[in-house]
C-alpha cells in the first residue's frame, strides 16, 4: 500500500501541467531542502553513496547541485573542496555550499582534468540528449577520476509515471523529463571517453523502515571512469 501511494505521487495521470526544469525549480526551490526528502531520493542516495569512492582530500564537483545535497555529503566525508554548479538561480540561492556558481551540465566553466569526482544526481533526465553533458564530465575529470550519475529509472517514465511537486500556489506540476535507457548512457559515455564501471537499479526502500517496498527499480545509478587514451 505504501509503495502504491508513493507511485501515485510520481503520477501516472498526465493531467498535471508539465513545467520546464528551470520553471519548475524556480517554484520548487523554496521548499526543496539540501537532503534526501522523499523515499525515492533516499533510495537513490543510498545507491549513490554505496558507489562513491573515498573522497578524502579530493576535489568534488556537485553537478546540477540544486540545494547542494551531494556537495555537503562530500565535505562531510573529507573532501578537500566541493563545488556546486546549477543552472537554476533559485536553487543556488537555497544552496549551502560556499563554492557555487551558475552553469549548465553542457558547459562546465572549469579547467580540463581538474576534478577527482563528479556527482550528478537526478538531473540529466531533464535534458533531451546526454552527449554534451557526458563530454563535459569527461573533460573536467582527472585521468583516474570517476563520475556518479543517477537518473529516474526509464521504466517509471515509460509506464506513464511523472515526477511532480506542489508549488507555493498549491497547484501540483510535473517536471520536464526524458527517458534515457541504459544503451543511451552507454553510447554517450563511450563517445565521451568514459566507461560504465558499475550500474545499480535499486527498488524503493523506505528509510524509516529500512525495508523493500517493491522489486520495481525506481532509479538507475552509474559509476563511470575515464578511458585510458
C-alpha atoms as a PDB file:
ATOM      1  CA  UNK A   1       0.000   0.000   0.000  1.00  0.00           C
ATOM      2  CA  UNK A   2       2.808   2.454   0.885  1.00  0.00           C
ATOM      3  CA  UNK A   3       4.535   1.780  -2.436  1.00  0.00           C
ATOM      4  CA  UNK A   4       1.295   2.316  -4.350  1.00  0.00           C
ATOM      5  CA  UNK A   5       0.778   5.661  -2.597  1.00  0.00           C
ATOM      6  CA  UNK A   6       4.337   6.670  -3.424  1.00  0.00           C
ATOM      7  CA  UNK A   7       3.967   5.747  -7.086  1.00  0.00           C
ATOM      8  CA  UNK A   8       0.825   7.836  -7.235  1.00  0.00           C
ATOM      9  CA  UNK A   9       2.979  10.770  -6.077  1.00  0.00           C
ATOM     10  CA  UNK A  10       5.154  10.163  -9.131  1.00  0.00           C
ATOM     11  CA  UNK A  11       1.885  10.318 -11.061  1.00  0.00           C
ATOM     12  CA  UNK A  12       0.671   8.032 -13.805  1.00  0.00           C
ATOM     13  CA  UNK A  13      -2.016  10.629 -14.527  1.00  0.00           C
ATOM     14  CA  UNK A  14      -0.929  13.063 -17.250  1.00  0.00           C
ATOM     15  CA  UNK A  15      -3.455  15.714 -16.199  1.00  0.00           C
ATOM     16  CA  UNK A  16      -0.823  17.857 -14.459  1.00  0.00           C
ATOM     17  CA  UNK A  17       0.812  20.631 -16.425  1.00  0.00           C
ATOM     18  CA  UNK A  18       4.484  19.934 -17.196  1.00  0.00           C
ATOM     19  CA  UNK A  19       6.930  22.760 -16.493  1.00  0.00           C
ATOM     20  CA  UNK A  20      10.412  23.156 -17.896  1.00  0.00           C
ATOM     21  CA  UNK A  21      13.026  22.205 -15.330  1.00  0.00           C
ATOM     22  CA  UNK A  22      14.024  25.866 -14.928  1.00  0.00           C
ATOM     23  CA  UNK A  23      10.449  26.985 -14.311  1.00  0.00           C
ATOM     24  CA  UNK A  24       9.799  24.049 -12.017  1.00  0.00           C
ATOM     25  CA  UNK A  25      12.849  24.611  -9.823  1.00  0.00           C
ATOM     26  CA  UNK A  26      12.192  28.346  -9.677  1.00  0.00           C
ATOM     27  CA  UNK A  27       8.983  27.452  -7.827  1.00  0.00           C
ATOM     28  CA  UNK A  28      10.219  24.345  -6.034  1.00  0.00           C
ATOM     29  CA  UNK A  29      13.372  25.886  -4.532  1.00  0.00           C
ATOM     30  CA  UNK A  30      11.610  27.481  -1.557  1.00  0.00           C
ATOM     31  CA  UNK A  31      10.571  24.061  -0.229  1.00  0.00           C
ATOM     32  CA  UNK A  32      13.467  21.933  -1.541  1.00  0.00           C
ATOM     33  CA  UNK A  33      15.815  21.030   1.352  1.00  0.00           C
ATOM     34  CA  UNK A  34      19.505  20.033   0.918  1.00  0.00           C
ATOM     35  CA  UNK A  35      18.882  16.411   1.872  1.00  0.00           C
ATOM     36  CA  UNK A  36      17.008  13.407   0.534  1.00  0.00           C
ATOM     37  CA  UNK A  37      13.464  14.381   1.432  1.00  0.00           C
ATOM     38  CA  UNK A  38      11.371  11.591  -0.030  1.00  0.00           C
ATOM     39  CA  UNK A  39      11.566   7.817  -0.381  1.00  0.00           C
ATOM     40  CA  UNK A  40      12.813   7.844  -3.964  1.00  0.00           C
ATOM     41  CA  UNK A  41      15.627  10.281  -3.149  1.00  0.00           C
ATOM     42  CA  UNK A  42      16.573   8.243  -0.078  1.00  0.00           C
ATOM     43  CA  UNK A  43      16.785   5.118  -2.214  1.00  0.00           C
ATOM     44  CA  UNK A  44      18.812   6.966  -4.846  1.00  0.00           C
ATOM     45  CA  UNK A  45      21.177   8.464  -2.268  1.00  0.00           C
ATOM     46  CA  UNK A  46      21.828   5.120  -0.625  1.00  0.00           C
ATOM     47  CA  UNK A  47      22.849   3.664  -4.001  1.00  0.00           C
ATOM     48  CA  UNK A  48      24.991   6.681  -4.884  1.00  0.00           C
ATOM     49  CA  UNK A  49      26.875   6.597  -1.591  1.00  0.00           C
ATOM     50  CA  UNK A  50      27.458   2.852  -1.949  1.00  0.00           C
ATOM     51  CA  UNK A  51      29.295   3.586  -5.227  1.00  0.00           C
ATOM     52  CA  UNK A  52      31.042   6.750  -4.031  1.00  0.00           C
ATOM     53  CA  UNK A  53      34.819   6.299  -3.666  1.00  0.00           C
ATOM     54  CA  UNK A  54      36.829   7.665  -0.755  1.00  0.00           C
ATOM     55  CA  UNK A  55      36.725  11.420  -1.341  1.00  0.00           C
ATOM     56  CA  UNK A  56      39.202  12.380   1.374  1.00  0.00           C
ATOM     57  CA  UNK A  57      41.354  15.222   0.042  1.00  0.00           C
ATOM     58  CA  UNK A  58      39.521  15.215  -3.303  1.00  0.00           C
ATOM     59  CA  UNK A  59      38.136  17.988  -5.475  1.00  0.00           C
ATOM     60  CA  UNK A  60      34.451  17.112  -5.872  1.00  0.00           C
ATOM     61  CA  UNK A  61      32.047  18.638  -8.370  1.00  0.00           C
ATOM     62  CA  UNK A  62      28.370  18.525  -7.421  1.00  0.00           C
ATOM     63  CA  UNK A  63      27.000  18.965 -10.937  1.00  0.00           C
ATOM     64  CA  UNK A  64      23.396  20.173 -11.229  1.00  0.00           C
ATOM     65  CA  UNK A  65      23.719  20.508  -7.485  1.00  0.00           C
ATOM     66  CA  UNK A  66      20.343  22.018  -6.663  1.00  0.00           C
ATOM     67  CA  UNK A  67      20.469  22.865  -2.975  1.00  0.00           C
ATOM     68  CA  UNK A  68      23.867  21.196  -2.606  1.00  0.00           C
ATOM     69  CA  UNK A  69      22.986  17.787  -1.213  1.00  0.00           C
ATOM     70  CA  UNK A  70      25.933  15.823  -2.609  1.00  0.00           C
ATOM     71  CA  UNK A  71      28.469  18.599  -2.162  1.00  0.00           C
ATOM     72  CA  UNK A  72      27.594  18.772   1.524  1.00  0.00           C
ATOM     73  CA  UNK A  73      27.832  14.994   1.854  1.00  0.00           C
ATOM     74  CA  UNK A  74      31.249  15.047   0.158  1.00  0.00           C
ATOM     75  CA  UNK A  75      32.514  17.650   2.612  1.00  0.00           C
ATOM     76  CA  UNK A  76      31.244  15.543   5.498  1.00  0.00           C
ATOM     77  CA  UNK A  77      33.334  12.698   4.086  1.00  0.00           C
ATOM     78  CA  UNK A  78      36.538  14.723   3.999  1.00  0.00           C
ATOM     79  CA  UNK A  79      36.604  16.235   0.516  1.00  0.00           C
ATOM     80  CA  UNK A  80      39.192  18.958   0.072  1.00  0.00           C
ATOM     81  CA  UNK A  81      36.579  21.118  -1.658  1.00  0.00           C
ATOM     82  CA  UNK A  82      33.114  20.718  -3.121  1.00  0.00           C
ATOM     83  CA  UNK A  83      31.987  22.994  -5.927  1.00  0.00           C
ATOM     84  CA  UNK A  84      28.306  23.210  -6.788  1.00  0.00           C
ATOM     85  CA  UNK A  85      27.114  24.117 -10.282  1.00  0.00           C
ATOM     86  CA  UNK A  86      23.482  24.505 -11.275  1.00  0.00           C
ATOM     87  CA  UNK A  87      21.501  26.355 -13.943  1.00  0.00           C
ATOM     88  CA  UNK A  88      18.765  27.435 -11.511  1.00  0.00           C
ATOM     89  CA  UNK A  89      19.386  30.747  -9.712  1.00  0.00           C
ATOM     90  CA  UNK A  90      16.588  29.929  -7.281  1.00  0.00           C
ATOM     91  CA  UNK A  91      18.127  26.589  -6.275  1.00  0.00           C
ATOM     92  CA  UNK A  92      21.571  28.145  -5.916  1.00  0.00           C
ATOM     93  CA  UNK A  93      20.021  30.771  -3.666  1.00  0.00           C
ATOM     94  CA  UNK A  94      18.914  27.970  -1.332  1.00  0.00           C
ATOM     95  CA  UNK A  95      22.288  26.197  -1.583  1.00  0.00           C
ATOM     96  CA  UNK A  96      24.519  25.891   1.480  1.00  0.00           C
ATOM     97  CA  UNK A  97      27.800  25.314  -0.353  1.00  0.00           C
ATOM     98  CA  UNK A  98      30.344  28.114  -0.071  1.00  0.00           C
ATOM     99  CA  UNK A  99      31.659  27.447  -3.583  1.00  0.00           C
ATOM    100  CA  UNK A 100      28.809  27.504  -6.073  1.00  0.00           C
ATOM    101  CA  UNK A 101      28.117  29.034  -9.450  1.00  0.00           C
ATOM    102  CA  UNK A 102      25.516  29.283 -12.178  1.00  0.00           C
ATOM    103  CA  UNK A 103      26.292  26.891 -15.046  1.00  0.00           C
ATOM    104  CA  UNK A 104      24.789  24.087 -17.096  1.00  0.00           C
ATOM    105  CA  UNK A 105      25.904  20.471 -17.317  1.00  0.00           C
ATOM    106  CA  UNK A 106      26.631  21.069 -21.005  1.00  0.00           C
ATOM    107  CA  UNK A 107      29.128  23.914 -20.464  1.00  0.00           C
ATOM    108  CA  UNK A 108      31.104  23.430 -17.261  1.00  0.00           C
ATOM    109  CA  UNK A 109      33.280  26.506 -16.514  1.00  0.00           C
ATOM    110  CA  UNK A 110      36.239  24.529 -15.170  1.00  0.00           C
ATOM    111  CA  UNK A 111      39.649  23.612 -16.482  1.00  0.00           C
ATOM    112  CA  UNK A 112      40.178  20.197 -18.022  1.00  0.00           C
ATOM    113  CA  UNK A 113      41.291  17.384 -15.730  1.00  0.00           C
ATOM    114  CA  UNK A 114      40.685  19.461 -12.616  1.00  0.00           C
ATOM    115  CA  UNK A 115      38.152  17.291 -10.748  1.00  0.00           C
ATOM    116  CA  UNK A 116      38.628  13.997  -8.913  1.00  0.00           C
ATOM    117  CA  UNK A 117      34.956  13.058  -8.514  1.00  0.00           C
ATOM    118  CA  UNK A 118      31.843  14.323 -10.299  1.00  0.00           C
ATOM    119  CA  UNK A 119      28.460  13.649  -8.723  1.00  0.00           C
ATOM    120  CA  UNK A 120      25.327  14.391 -10.756  1.00  0.00           C
ATOM    121  CA  UNK A 121      22.110  13.364  -9.051  1.00  0.00           C
ATOM    122  CA  UNK A 122      18.731  13.063 -10.764  1.00  0.00           C
ATOM    123  CA  UNK A 123      19.437  15.797 -13.284  1.00  0.00           C
ATOM    124  CA  UNK A 124      20.370  14.537 -16.750  1.00  0.00           C
ATOM    125  CA  UNK A 125      16.851  13.234 -17.288  1.00  0.00           C
ATOM    126  CA  UNK A 126      15.762  16.849 -17.638  1.00  0.00           C
ATOM    127  CA  UNK A 127      17.770  17.037 -20.883  1.00  0.00           C
ATOM    128  CA  UNK A 128      16.646  15.571 -24.216  1.00  0.00           C
ATOM    129  CA  UNK A 129      20.206  14.435 -25.044  1.00  0.00           C
ATOM    130  CA  UNK A 130      23.165  13.217 -22.976  1.00  0.00           C
ATOM    131  CA  UNK A 131      26.116  13.781 -25.297  1.00  0.00           C
ATOM    132  CA  UNK A 132      27.266  17.291 -24.370  1.00  0.00           C
ATOM    133  CA  UNK A 133      26.956  16.666 -20.645  1.00  0.00           C
ATOM    134  CA  UNK A 134      28.921  13.438 -20.849  1.00  0.00           C
ATOM    135  CA  UNK A 135      31.666  15.121 -22.855  1.00  0.00           C
ATOM    136  CA  UNK A 136      31.930  17.915 -20.304  1.00  0.00           C
ATOM    137  CA  UNK A 137      32.056  15.447 -17.407  1.00  0.00           C
ATOM    138  CA  UNK A 138      34.832  13.555 -19.174  1.00  0.00           C
ATOM    139  CA  UNK A 139      36.741  16.741 -19.952  1.00  0.00           C
ATOM    140  CA  UNK A 140      36.890  18.014 -16.356  1.00  0.00           C
ATOM    141  CA  UNK A 141      37.685  14.620 -14.800  1.00  0.00           C
ATOM    142  CA  UNK A 142      41.273  13.772 -13.935  1.00  0.00           C
ATOM    143  CA  UNK A 143      42.602  10.634 -15.680  1.00  0.00           C
ATOM    144  CA  UNK A 144      41.932   8.457 -12.620  1.00  0.00           C
ATOM    145  CA  UNK A 145      38.761  10.261 -11.603  1.00  0.00           C
ATOM    146  CA  UNK A 146      35.245   8.905 -11.556  1.00  0.00           C
ATOM    147  CA  UNK A 147      31.716  10.183 -12.017  1.00  0.00           C
ATOM    148  CA  UNK A 148      28.483   9.078 -10.374  1.00  0.00           C
ATOM    149  CA  UNK A 149      25.317   9.820 -12.323  1.00  0.00           C
ATOM    150  CA  UNK A 150      21.792   8.913 -11.259  1.00  0.00           C
ATOM    151  CA  UNK A 151      18.531   9.173 -13.140  1.00  0.00           C
ATOM    152  CA  UNK A 152      14.917   8.276 -12.628  1.00  0.00           C
ATOM    153  CA  UNK A 153      14.546   4.785 -13.967  1.00  0.00           C
ATOM    154  CA  UNK A 154      13.251   4.898 -17.544  1.00  0.00           C
ATOM    155  CA  UNK A 155      10.797   2.111 -16.694  1.00  0.00           C
ATOM    156  CA  UNK A 156       8.910   4.544 -14.456  1.00  0.00           C
ATOM    157  CA  UNK A 157       8.623   7.222 -17.106  1.00  0.00           C
ATOM    158  CA  UNK A 158       7.760   4.799 -19.895  1.00  0.00           C
ATOM    159  CA  UNK A 159       4.982   3.400 -17.688  1.00  0.00           C
ATOM    160  CA  UNK A 160       3.449   6.856 -17.562  1.00  0.00           C
ATOM    161  CA  UNK A 161       4.667   7.966 -14.155  1.00  0.00           C
ATOM    162  CA  UNK A 162       5.870  11.533 -13.668  1.00  0.00           C
ATOM    163  CA  UNK A 163       7.835  13.385 -11.041  1.00  0.00           C
ATOM    164  CA  UNK A 164       5.630  16.060  -9.502  1.00  0.00           C
ATOM    165  CA  UNK A 165       5.817  18.769  -6.877  1.00  0.00           C
ATOM    166  CA  UNK A 166       3.427  21.170  -5.178  1.00  0.00           C
ATOM    167  CA  UNK A 167       4.156  24.825  -5.910  1.00  0.00           C
ATOM    168  CA  UNK A 168       3.649  27.690  -3.438  1.00  0.00           C
ATOM    169  CA  UNK A 169       0.309  28.409  -5.142  1.00  0.00           C
ATOM    170  CA  UNK A 170      -0.897  24.976  -4.025  1.00  0.00           C
ATOM    171  CA  UNK A 171      -1.002  23.556  -7.543  1.00  0.00           C
ATOM    172  CA  UNK A 172       0.746  20.330  -8.490  1.00  0.00           C
ATOM    173  CA  UNK A 173       3.003  20.281 -11.548  1.00  0.00           C
ATOM    174  CA  UNK A 174       5.031  17.663 -13.392  1.00  0.00           C
ATOM    175  CA  UNK A 175       8.686  18.359 -14.179  1.00  0.00           C
ATOM    176  CA  UNK A 176      10.148  18.100 -17.679  1.00  0.00           C
ATOM    177  CA  UNK A 177      11.789  14.702 -18.126  1.00  0.00           C
ATOM    178  CA  UNK A 178      13.172  12.486 -20.898  1.00  0.00           C
ATOM    179  CA  UNK A 179      13.645   8.736 -20.618  1.00  0.00           C
ATOM    180  CA  UNK A 180      17.258   7.655 -21.248  1.00  0.00           C
ATOM    181  CA  UNK A 181      17.842   3.919 -21.490  1.00  0.00           C
ATOM    182  CA  UNK A 182      20.992   2.111 -20.409  1.00  0.00           C
ATOM    183  CA  UNK A 183      22.001   1.938 -24.072  1.00  0.00           C
ATOM    184  CA  UNK A 184      21.736   5.729 -24.338  1.00  0.00           C
ATOM    185  CA  UNK A 185      24.064   6.227 -21.373  1.00  0.00           C
ATOM    186  CA  UNK A 186      26.453   3.568 -22.639  1.00  0.00           C
ATOM    187  CA  UNK A 187      26.723   5.183 -26.069  1.00  0.00           C
ATOM    188  CA  UNK A 188      27.063   8.732 -24.735  1.00  0.00           C
ATOM    189  CA  UNK A 189      29.665   7.647 -22.194  1.00  0.00           C
ATOM    190  CA  UNK A 190      31.728   5.717 -24.748  1.00  0.00           C
ATOM    191  CA  UNK A 191      31.686   8.594 -27.224  1.00  0.00           C
ATOM    192  CA  UNK A 192      32.862  10.935 -24.440  1.00  0.00           C
ATOM    193  CA  UNK A 193      35.763   8.697 -23.435  1.00  0.00           C
ATOM    194  CA  UNK A 194      34.066   7.283 -20.354  1.00  0.00           C
ATOM    195  CA  UNK A 195      33.297   3.690 -19.446  1.00  0.00           C
ATOM    196  CA  UNK A 196      30.492   2.411 -17.246  1.00  0.00           C
ATOM    197  CA  UNK A 197      32.220   0.573 -14.400  1.00  0.00           C
ATOM    198  CA  UNK A 198      29.159  -0.248 -12.304  1.00  0.00           C
ATOM    199  CA  UNK A 199      25.416   0.178 -12.567  1.00  0.00           C
ATOM    200  CA  UNK A 200      22.759  -0.431  -9.931  1.00  0.00           C
ATOM    201  CA  UNK A 201      18.974  -0.297 -10.232  1.00  0.00           C
ATOM    202  CA  UNK A 202      17.574  -0.110  -6.703  1.00  0.00           C
ATOM    203  CA  UNK A 203      13.940  -0.630  -5.891  1.00  0.00           C
ATOM    204  CA  UNK A 204      12.138   1.576  -3.423  1.00  0.00           C
ATOM    205  CA  UNK A 205      13.335   1.305   0.171  1.00  0.00           C
ATOM    206  CA  UNK A 206      11.694   3.318   2.923  1.00  0.00           C
ATOM    207  CA  UNK A 207      14.469   4.696   5.110  1.00  0.00           C
ATOM    208  CA  UNK A 208      12.428   4.848   8.292  1.00  0.00           C
ATOM    209  CA  UNK A 209      11.605   1.144   7.998  1.00  0.00           C
ATOM    210  CA  UNK A 210      14.765   0.067   6.109  1.00  0.00           C
ATOM    211  CA  UNK A 211      12.581  -2.318   4.173  1.00  0.00           C
ATOM    212  CA  UNK A 212      11.998  -3.064   0.492  1.00  0.00           C
ATOM    213  CA  UNK A 213       8.580  -1.996  -0.740  1.00  0.00           C
ATOM    214  CA  UNK A 214       8.726  -3.270  -4.322  1.00  0.00           C
ATOM    215  CA  UNK A 215      11.021  -5.123  -6.678  1.00  0.00           C
ATOM    216  CA  UNK A 216      10.440  -2.483  -9.377  1.00  0.00           C
ATOM    217  CA  UNK A 217      13.556  -0.285  -9.854  1.00  0.00           C
ATOM    218  CA  UNK A 218      12.878   3.406  -9.267  1.00  0.00           C
ATOM    219  CA  UNK A 219      16.295   4.855 -10.132  1.00  0.00           C
ATOM    220  CA  UNK A 220      19.347   3.844 -12.108  1.00  0.00           C
ATOM    221  CA  UNK A 221      22.829   4.809 -10.918  1.00  0.00           C
ATOM    222  CA  UNK A 222      26.026   4.704 -12.968  1.00  0.00           C
ATOM    223  CA  UNK A 223      29.639   4.835 -11.854  1.00  0.00           C
ATOM    224  CA  UNK A 224      31.836   5.943 -14.756  1.00  0.00           C
ATOM    225  CA  UNK A 225      35.594   6.034 -15.160  1.00  0.00           C
ATOM    226  CA  UNK A 226      37.744   7.780 -17.716  1.00  0.00           C
ATOM    227  CA  UNK A 227      39.113   5.601 -20.506  1.00  0.00           C
ATOM    228  CA  UNK A 228      42.860   5.463 -20.989  1.00  0.00           C
ATOM    229  CA  UNK A 229      43.954   7.472 -24.014  1.00  0.00           C
END
